[in-house]
Amino acid sequence: MLDIVKINFPGLSKLTSKMEKRTKWGYFDAILLGVIFAMAFCPYSGVLFFGMLVPLTIASPSGLYLPVVFAIATGIPVIIFAWFLAYAVSSIGNVYDKIRTFELWFRRIVAVLFILVGFYYIFRVFL
């Protein structure tokens, strides 16, 4: 976390550089983004829907409204995240620089905190 030991994953730097150089995005890219969203949200939503919502729907007569509420409630985070993503793309340069600076300092602070906590536990256990 302090960038003392550098670990390079093969192929990751090439992928990152290709994505940074890309200027125009098309329909295929939107489909890939949709697939990523689907894979991120669907496993958890599927368990909730088939494990909890279907039995609740069958158990009560007013349960027929539950799938509609569930669909709206699970769609709202995706819509909000997509809106934030579209908004961030318009001003990605400034936001990216601020996030990168924050992430660098936050990572250093957390690394020092982890080291201090590690020394504390070492002294606590062995002394």
N, C-alpha and C. Protein backbone atom coordinates (compact mmCIF):
# COMPACT_ATOMS: atom_id res chain seq x y z
N MET A 1 0.81 -1.19 0.00
CA MET A 1 0.00 0.00 0.00
C MET A 1 0.85 1.26 0.00
N LEU A 2 2.08 1.14 0.42
CA LEU A 2 3.00 2.27 0.39
C LEU A 2 3.81 2.31 -0.90
N ASP A 3 3.53 1.42 -1.84
CA ASP A 3 4.25 1.31 -3.12
C ASP A 3 5.72 1.01 -2.94
N ILE A 4 6.05 0.26 -1.91
CA ILE A 4 7.43 -0.18 -1.72
C ILE A 4 7.69 -1.39 -2.60
N VAL A 5 6.74 -2.33 -2.63
CA VAL A 5 6.83 -3.52 -3.47
C VAL A 5 5.84 -3.35 -4.61
N LYS A 6 6.33 -3.37 -5.83
CA LYS A 6 5.47 -3.20 -7.01
C LYS A 6 5.11 -4.57 -7.56
N ILE A 7 3.82 -4.79 -7.78
CA ILE A 7 3.33 -6.03 -8.36
C ILE A 7 2.63 -5.67 -9.66
N ASN A 8 3.13 -6.18 -10.76
CA ASN A 8 2.52 -5.93 -12.07
C ASN A 8 1.79 -7.17 -12.53
N PHE A 9 0.51 -7.02 -12.81
CA PHE A 9 -0.28 -8.12 -13.35
C PHE A 9 -0.14 -8.12 -14.86
N PRO A 10 0.13 -9.27 -15.46
CA PRO A 10 0.34 -9.30 -16.91
C PRO A 10 -0.94 -8.94 -17.67
N GLY A 11 -0.79 -8.04 -18.63
CA GLY A 11 -1.90 -7.65 -19.48
C GLY A 11 -2.76 -6.53 -18.93
N LEU A 12 -2.67 -6.24 -17.63
CA LEU A 12 -3.52 -5.21 -17.04
C LEU A 12 -3.11 -3.82 -17.49
N SER A 13 -1.82 -3.58 -17.62
CA SER A 13 -1.37 -2.26 -18.04
C SER A 13 -1.74 -1.99 -19.49
N LYS A 14 -1.71 -3.01 -20.33
CA LYS A 14 -2.11 -2.83 -21.73
C LYS A 14 -3.59 -2.50 -21.83
N LEU A 15 -4.41 -3.20 -21.06
CA LEU A 15 -5.84 -2.95 -21.07
C LEU A 15 -6.15 -1.55 -20.58
N THR A 16 -5.49 -1.12 -19.53
CA THR A 16 -5.71 0.22 -19.00
C THR A 16 -5.30 1.28 -20.00
N SER A 17 -4.18 1.11 -20.65
CA SER A 17 -3.73 2.11 -21.62
C SER A 17 -4.66 2.16 -22.83
N LYS A 18 -5.18 1.02 -23.26
CA LYS A 18 -6.12 1.01 -24.38
C LYS A 18 -7.41 1.74 -24.02
N MET A 19 -7.89 1.54 -22.80
CA MET A 19 -9.12 2.20 -22.40
C MET A 19 -8.93 3.69 -22.22
N GLU A 20 -7.75 4.13 -21.78
CA GLU A 20 -7.49 5.55 -21.62
C GLU A 20 -7.36 6.25 -22.97
N LYS A 21 -6.85 5.57 -23.99
CA LYS A 21 -6.66 6.17 -25.31
C LYS A 21 -7.96 6.22 -26.11
N ARG A 22 -8.94 5.44 -25.71
CA ARG A 22 -10.18 5.34 -26.46
C ARG A 22 -10.97 6.64 -26.37
N THR A 23 -11.41 7.17 -27.51
CA THR A 23 -12.13 8.43 -27.51
C THR A 23 -13.61 8.27 -27.83
N LYS A 24 -13.97 7.26 -28.59
CA LYS A 24 -15.37 7.08 -28.98
C LYS A 24 -15.85 5.72 -28.53
N TRP A 25 -17.00 5.72 -27.89
CA TRP A 25 -17.59 4.49 -27.40
C TRP A 25 -18.86 4.21 -28.21
N GLY A 26 -19.13 2.94 -28.46
CA GLY A 26 -20.26 2.59 -29.31
C GLY A 26 -21.30 1.75 -28.60
N TYR A 27 -22.19 1.15 -29.40
CA TYR A 27 -23.27 0.34 -28.86
C TYR A 27 -22.75 -0.93 -28.21
N PHE A 28 -21.72 -1.52 -28.78
CA PHE A 28 -21.15 -2.74 -28.21
C PHE A 28 -20.61 -2.48 -26.81
N ASP A 29 -20.02 -1.30 -26.61
CA ASP A 29 -19.50 -0.96 -25.29
C ASP A 29 -20.63 -0.80 -24.28
N ALA A 30 -21.75 -0.25 -24.73
CA ALA A 30 -22.92 -0.12 -23.85
C ALA A 30 -23.46 -1.49 -23.47
N ILE A 31 -23.45 -2.42 -24.42
CA ILE A 31 -23.91 -3.78 -24.14
C ILE A 31 -22.98 -4.44 -23.11
N LEU A 32 -21.68 -4.25 -23.26
CA LEU A 32 -20.74 -4.83 -22.30
C LEU A 32 -20.94 -4.24 -20.91
N LEU A 33 -21.20 -2.94 -20.84
CA LEU A 33 -21.47 -2.32 -19.55
C LEU A 33 -22.74 -2.89 -18.93
N GLY A 34 -23.76 -3.12 -19.75
CA GLY A 34 -24.99 -3.74 -19.27
C GLY A 34 -24.77 -5.16 -18.76
N VAL A 35 -23.92 -5.90 -19.45
CA VAL A 35 -23.60 -7.26 -19.01
C VAL A 35 -22.88 -7.23 -17.67
N ILE A 36 -21.98 -6.28 -17.50
CA ILE A 36 -21.26 -6.15 -16.22
C ILE A 36 -22.24 -5.81 -15.10
N PHE A 37 -23.16 -4.86 -15.36
CA PHE A 37 -24.17 -4.53 -14.36
C PHE A 37 -25.03 -5.75 -14.03
N ALA A 38 -25.41 -6.50 -15.05
CA ALA A 38 -26.26 -7.67 -14.83
C ALA A 38 -25.54 -8.72 -13.99
N MET A 39 -24.26 -8.95 -14.28
CA MET A 39 -23.52 -9.94 -13.50
C MET A 39 -23.29 -9.45 -12.08
N ALA A 40 -23.21 -8.14 -11.87
CA ALA A 40 -22.98 -7.61 -10.53
C ALA A 40 -24.24 -7.67 -9.68
N PHE A 41 -25.39 -7.39 -10.27
CA PHE A 41 -26.61 -7.30 -9.48
C PHE A 41 -27.45 -8.58 -9.48
N CYS A 42 -27.40 -9.36 -10.52
CA CYS A 42 -28.33 -10.49 -10.66
C CYS A 42 -28.14 -11.63 -9.66
N PRO A 43 -26.94 -12.05 -9.30
CA PRO A 43 -26.86 -13.18 -8.37
C PRO A 43 -27.56 -12.90 -7.04
N TYR A 44 -27.33 -11.74 -6.50
CA TYR A 44 -27.97 -11.39 -5.23
C TYR A 44 -29.46 -11.18 -5.41
N SER A 45 -29.85 -10.51 -6.48
CA SER A 45 -31.27 -10.27 -6.74
C SER A 45 -32.01 -11.56 -7.00
N GLY A 46 -31.38 -12.50 -7.67
CA GLY A 46 -32.02 -13.79 -7.92
C GLY A 46 -32.32 -14.54 -6.65
N VAL A 47 -31.38 -14.53 -5.71
CA VAL A 47 -31.60 -15.20 -4.43
C VAL A 47 -32.75 -14.53 -3.69
N LEU A 48 -32.74 -13.19 -3.67
CA LEU A 48 -33.84 -12.50 -3.00
C LEU A 48 -35.18 -12.77 -3.65
N PHE A 49 -35.19 -12.73 -4.99
CA PHE A 49 -36.46 -12.88 -5.70
C PHE A 49 -37.02 -14.28 -5.52
N PHE A 50 -36.23 -15.30 -5.83
CA PHE A 50 -36.76 -16.66 -5.79
C PHE A 50 -36.78 -17.26 -4.39
N GLY A 51 -35.91 -16.80 -3.52
CA GLY A 51 -35.86 -17.36 -2.17
C GLY A 51 -36.83 -16.73 -1.21
N MET A 52 -37.10 -15.44 -1.38
CA MET A 52 -37.95 -14.75 -0.41
C MET A 52 -39.22 -14.17 -1.02
N LEU A 53 -39.10 -13.55 -2.18
CA LEU A 53 -40.22 -12.81 -2.72
C LEU A 53 -41.32 -13.71 -3.27
N VAL A 54 -40.97 -14.77 -3.96
CA VAL A 54 -41.99 -15.67 -4.51
C VAL A 54 -42.81 -16.33 -3.40
N PRO A 55 -42.18 -16.86 -2.33
CA PRO A 55 -43.01 -17.40 -1.24
C PRO A 55 -43.90 -16.34 -0.58
N LEU A 56 -43.39 -15.11 -0.44
CA LEU A 56 -44.23 -14.06 0.14
C LEU A 56 -45.39 -13.70 -0.77
N THR A 57 -45.15 -13.72 -2.06
CA THR A 57 -46.20 -13.41 -3.03
C THR A 57 -47.30 -14.46 -2.99
N ILE A 58 -46.92 -15.70 -2.85
CA ILE A 58 -47.90 -16.79 -2.82
C ILE A 58 -48.66 -16.80 -1.50
N ALA A 59 -48.01 -16.39 -0.42
CA ALA A 59 -48.60 -16.49 0.91
C ALA A 59 -49.74 -15.50 1.14
N SER A 60 -49.72 -14.34 0.54
CA SER A 60 -50.76 -13.36 0.82
C SER A 60 -51.38 -12.83 -0.47
N PRO A 61 -52.67 -12.45 -0.42
CA PRO A 61 -53.31 -11.95 -1.64
C PRO A 61 -52.75 -10.60 -2.09
N SER A 62 -52.30 -9.78 -1.16
CA SER A 62 -51.73 -8.49 -1.56
C SER A 62 -50.26 -8.62 -1.95
N GLY A 63 -49.75 -9.82 -1.95
CA GLY A 63 -48.36 -10.06 -2.32
C GLY A 63 -48.07 -9.88 -3.79
N LEU A 64 -49.11 -9.73 -4.61
CA LEU A 64 -48.89 -9.52 -6.04
C LEU A 64 -48.22 -8.18 -6.33
N TYR A 65 -48.28 -7.27 -5.39
CA TYR A 65 -47.62 -5.98 -5.58
C TYR A 65 -46.12 -6.05 -5.28
N LEU A 66 -45.71 -7.06 -4.55
CA LEU A 66 -44.30 -7.18 -4.16
C LEU A 66 -43.33 -7.28 -5.33
N PRO A 67 -43.60 -8.06 -6.39
CA PRO A 67 -42.66 -8.09 -7.51
C PRO A 67 -42.49 -6.74 -8.19
N VAL A 68 -43.57 -5.96 -8.27
CA VAL A 68 -43.47 -4.62 -8.88
C VAL A 68 -42.59 -3.71 -8.02
N VAL A 69 -42.82 -3.73 -6.72
CA VAL A 69 -42.00 -2.92 -5.81
C VAL A 69 -40.55 -3.40 -5.84
N PHE A 70 -40.35 -4.70 -5.90
CA PHE A 70 -38.99 -5.25 -5.95
C PHE A 70 -38.28 -4.82 -7.23
N ALA A 71 -38.98 -4.85 -8.36
CA ALA A 71 -38.37 -4.46 -9.63
C ALA A 71 -37.98 -2.99 -9.62
N ILE A 72 -38.84 -2.15 -9.09
CA ILE A 72 -38.53 -0.71 -9.02
C ILE A 72 -37.36 -0.47 -8.06
N ALA A 73 -37.40 -1.13 -6.91
CA ALA A 73 -36.35 -0.92 -5.91
C ALA A 73 -34.99 -1.43 -6.37
N THR A 74 -34.95 -2.52 -7.13
CA THR A 74 -33.65 -3.00 -7.62
C THR A 74 -33.20 -2.24 -8.85
N GLY A 75 -34.12 -1.60 -9.56
CA GLY A 75 -33.74 -0.82 -10.73
C GLY A 75 -33.20 0.55 -10.39
N ILE A 76 -33.64 1.11 -9.26
CA ILE A 76 -33.22 2.47 -8.89
C ILE A 76 -31.71 2.58 -8.70
N PRO A 77 -31.03 1.67 -7.98
CA PRO A 77 -29.57 1.81 -7.86
C PRO A 77 -28.84 1.74 -9.21
N VAL A 78 -29.32 0.89 -10.10
CA VAL A 78 -28.69 0.79 -11.42
C VAL A 78 -28.87 2.09 -12.19
N ILE A 79 -30.06 2.66 -12.14
CA ILE A 79 -30.32 3.93 -12.83
C ILE A 79 -29.48 5.05 -12.24
N ILE A 80 -29.40 5.11 -10.92
CA ILE A 80 -28.60 6.16 -10.28
C ILE A 80 -27.13 6.00 -10.62
N PHE A 81 -26.61 4.77 -10.57
CA PHE A 81 -25.20 4.54 -10.89
C PHE A 81 -24.91 4.87 -12.35
N ALA A 82 -25.82 4.52 -13.25
CA ALA A 82 -25.64 4.85 -14.66
C ALA A 82 -25.67 6.37 -14.87
N TRP A 83 -26.53 7.05 -14.13
CA TRP A 83 -26.58 8.52 -14.24
C TRP A 83 -25.27 9.13 -13.74
N PHE A 84 -24.77 8.64 -12.59
CA PHE A 84 -23.49 9.14 -12.09
C PHE A 84 -22.36 8.87 -13.08
N LEU A 85 -22.40 7.69 -13.70
CA LEU A 85 -21.38 7.35 -14.68
C LEU A 85 -21.44 8.28 -15.88
N ALA A 86 -22.64 8.56 -16.37
CA ALA A 86 -22.78 9.46 -17.51
C ALA A 86 -22.38 10.88 -17.13
N TYR A 87 -22.70 11.29 -15.92
CA TYR A 87 -22.32 12.63 -15.46
C TYR A 87 -20.80 12.73 -15.30
N ALA A 88 -20.20 11.68 -14.79
CA ALA A 88 -18.75 11.70 -14.56
C ALA A 88 -17.98 11.70 -15.86
N VAL A 89 -18.52 11.08 -16.90
CA VAL A 89 -17.82 11.04 -18.18
C VAL A 89 -17.67 12.44 -18.75
N SER A 90 -18.66 13.31 -18.50
CA SER A 90 -18.58 14.66 -19.05
C SER A 90 -17.47 15.48 -18.40
N SER A 91 -17.16 15.21 -17.15
CA SER A 91 -16.09 15.95 -16.49
C SER A 91 -15.10 14.98 -15.85
N ILE A 92 -14.72 13.98 -16.61
CA ILE A 92 -13.91 12.89 -16.06
C ILE A 92 -12.50 13.34 -15.68
N GLY A 93 -11.96 14.30 -16.38
CA GLY A 93 -10.59 14.73 -16.10
C GLY A 93 -10.43 15.29 -14.70
N ASN A 94 -11.27 16.24 -14.32
CA ASN A 94 -11.16 16.86 -13.00
C ASN A 94 -11.49 15.87 -11.89
N VAL A 95 -12.53 15.11 -12.09
CA VAL A 95 -12.93 14.15 -11.08
C VAL A 95 -11.86 13.07 -10.91
N TYR A 96 -11.31 12.60 -12.01
CA TYR A 96 -10.29 11.56 -11.94
C TYR A 96 -9.04 12.06 -11.20
N ASP A 97 -8.63 13.30 -11.46
CA ASP A 97 -7.46 13.84 -10.76
C ASP A 97 -7.71 13.96 -9.26
N LYS A 98 -8.89 14.42 -8.90
CA LYS A 98 -9.21 14.55 -7.48
C LYS A 98 -9.29 13.19 -6.79
N ILE A 99 -9.91 12.23 -7.46
CA ILE A 99 -10.02 10.89 -6.88
C ILE A 99 -8.65 10.24 -6.76
N ARG A 100 -7.80 10.43 -7.76
CA ARG A 100 -6.46 9.84 -7.73
C ARG A 100 -5.63 10.43 -6.60
N THR A 101 -5.71 11.74 -6.40
CA THR A 101 -4.98 12.37 -5.30
C THR A 101 -5.50 11.88 -3.95
N PHE A 102 -6.83 11.84 -3.80
CA PHE A 102 -7.42 11.36 -2.55
C PHE A 102 -7.03 9.91 -2.29
N GLU A 103 -7.10 9.07 -3.33
CA GLU A 103 -6.78 7.65 -3.17
C GLU A 103 -5.34 7.45 -2.77
N LEU A 104 -4.42 8.24 -3.31
CA LEU A 104 -3.01 8.12 -2.97
C LEU A 104 -2.78 8.42 -1.50
N TRP A 105 -3.31 9.52 -1.02
CA TRP A 105 -3.10 9.89 0.38
C TRP A 105 -3.86 8.97 1.32
N PHE A 106 -5.05 8.56 0.94
CA PHE A 106 -5.83 7.66 1.76
C PHE A 106 -5.13 6.31 1.89
N ARG A 107 -4.56 5.82 0.79
CA ARG A 107 -3.84 4.55 0.81
C ARG A 107 -2.62 4.64 1.72
N ARG A 108 -1.91 5.76 1.66
CA ARG A 108 -0.73 5.91 2.53
C ARG A 108 -1.12 5.96 4.00
N ILE A 109 -2.19 6.69 4.31
CA ILE A 109 -2.63 6.79 5.70
C ILE A 109 -3.06 5.42 6.22
N VAL A 110 -3.81 4.69 5.42
CA VAL A 110 -4.27 3.36 5.84
C VAL A 110 -3.08 2.41 5.97
N ALA A 111 -2.09 2.51 5.09
CA ALA A 111 -0.91 1.65 5.18
C ALA A 111 -0.16 1.90 6.48
N VAL A 112 0.04 3.16 6.83
CA VAL A 112 0.73 3.47 8.08
C VAL A 112 -0.09 3.00 9.27
N LEU A 113 -1.40 3.15 9.19
CA LEU A 113 -2.27 2.68 10.27
C LEU A 113 -2.18 1.16 10.42
N PHE A 114 -2.18 0.43 9.31
CA PHE A 114 -2.04 -1.03 9.36
C PHE A 114 -0.70 -1.43 9.97
N ILE A 115 0.37 -0.75 9.60
CA ILE A 115 1.69 -1.06 10.15
C ILE A 115 1.71 -0.82 11.65
N LEU A 116 1.14 0.30 12.09
CA LEU A 116 1.10 0.59 13.52
C LEU A 116 0.27 -0.44 14.29
N VAL A 117 -0.87 -0.82 13.75
CA VAL A 117 -1.70 -1.83 14.40
C VAL A 117 -0.98 -3.17 14.42
N GLY A 118 -0.25 -3.50 13.36
CA GLY A 118 0.53 -4.72 13.33
C GLY A 118 1.59 -4.74 14.41
N PHE A 119 2.33 -3.63 14.55
CA PHE A 119 3.33 -3.55 15.62
C PHE A 119 2.69 -3.64 17.00
N TYR A 120 1.54 -3.03 17.15
CA TYR A 120 0.83 -3.10 18.43
C TYR A 120 0.52 -4.55 18.78
N TYR A 121 -0.02 -5.30 17.82
CA TYR A 121 -0.37 -6.70 18.10
C TYR A 121 0.88 -7.56 18.28
N ILE A 122 1.95 -7.25 17.58
CA ILE A 122 3.19 -8.01 17.79
C ILE A 122 3.71 -7.80 19.22
N PHE A 123 3.74 -6.54 19.66
CA PHE A 123 4.21 -6.25 21.02
C PHE A 123 3.24 -6.81 22.05
N ARG A 124 1.97 -6.79 21.76
CA ARG A 124 0.96 -7.28 22.69
C ARG A 124 1.07 -8.79 22.89
N VAL A 125 1.32 -9.52 21.80
CA VAL A 125 1.38 -10.98 21.87
C VAL A 125 2.70 -11.46 22.42
N PHE A 126 3.82 -10.86 21.97
CA PHE A 126 5.13 -11.40 22.34
C PHE A 126 5.77 -10.74 23.54
N LEU A 127 5.22 -9.67 24.04
CA LEU A 127 5.84 -9.05 25.22
C LEU A 127 4.93 -9.04 26.41
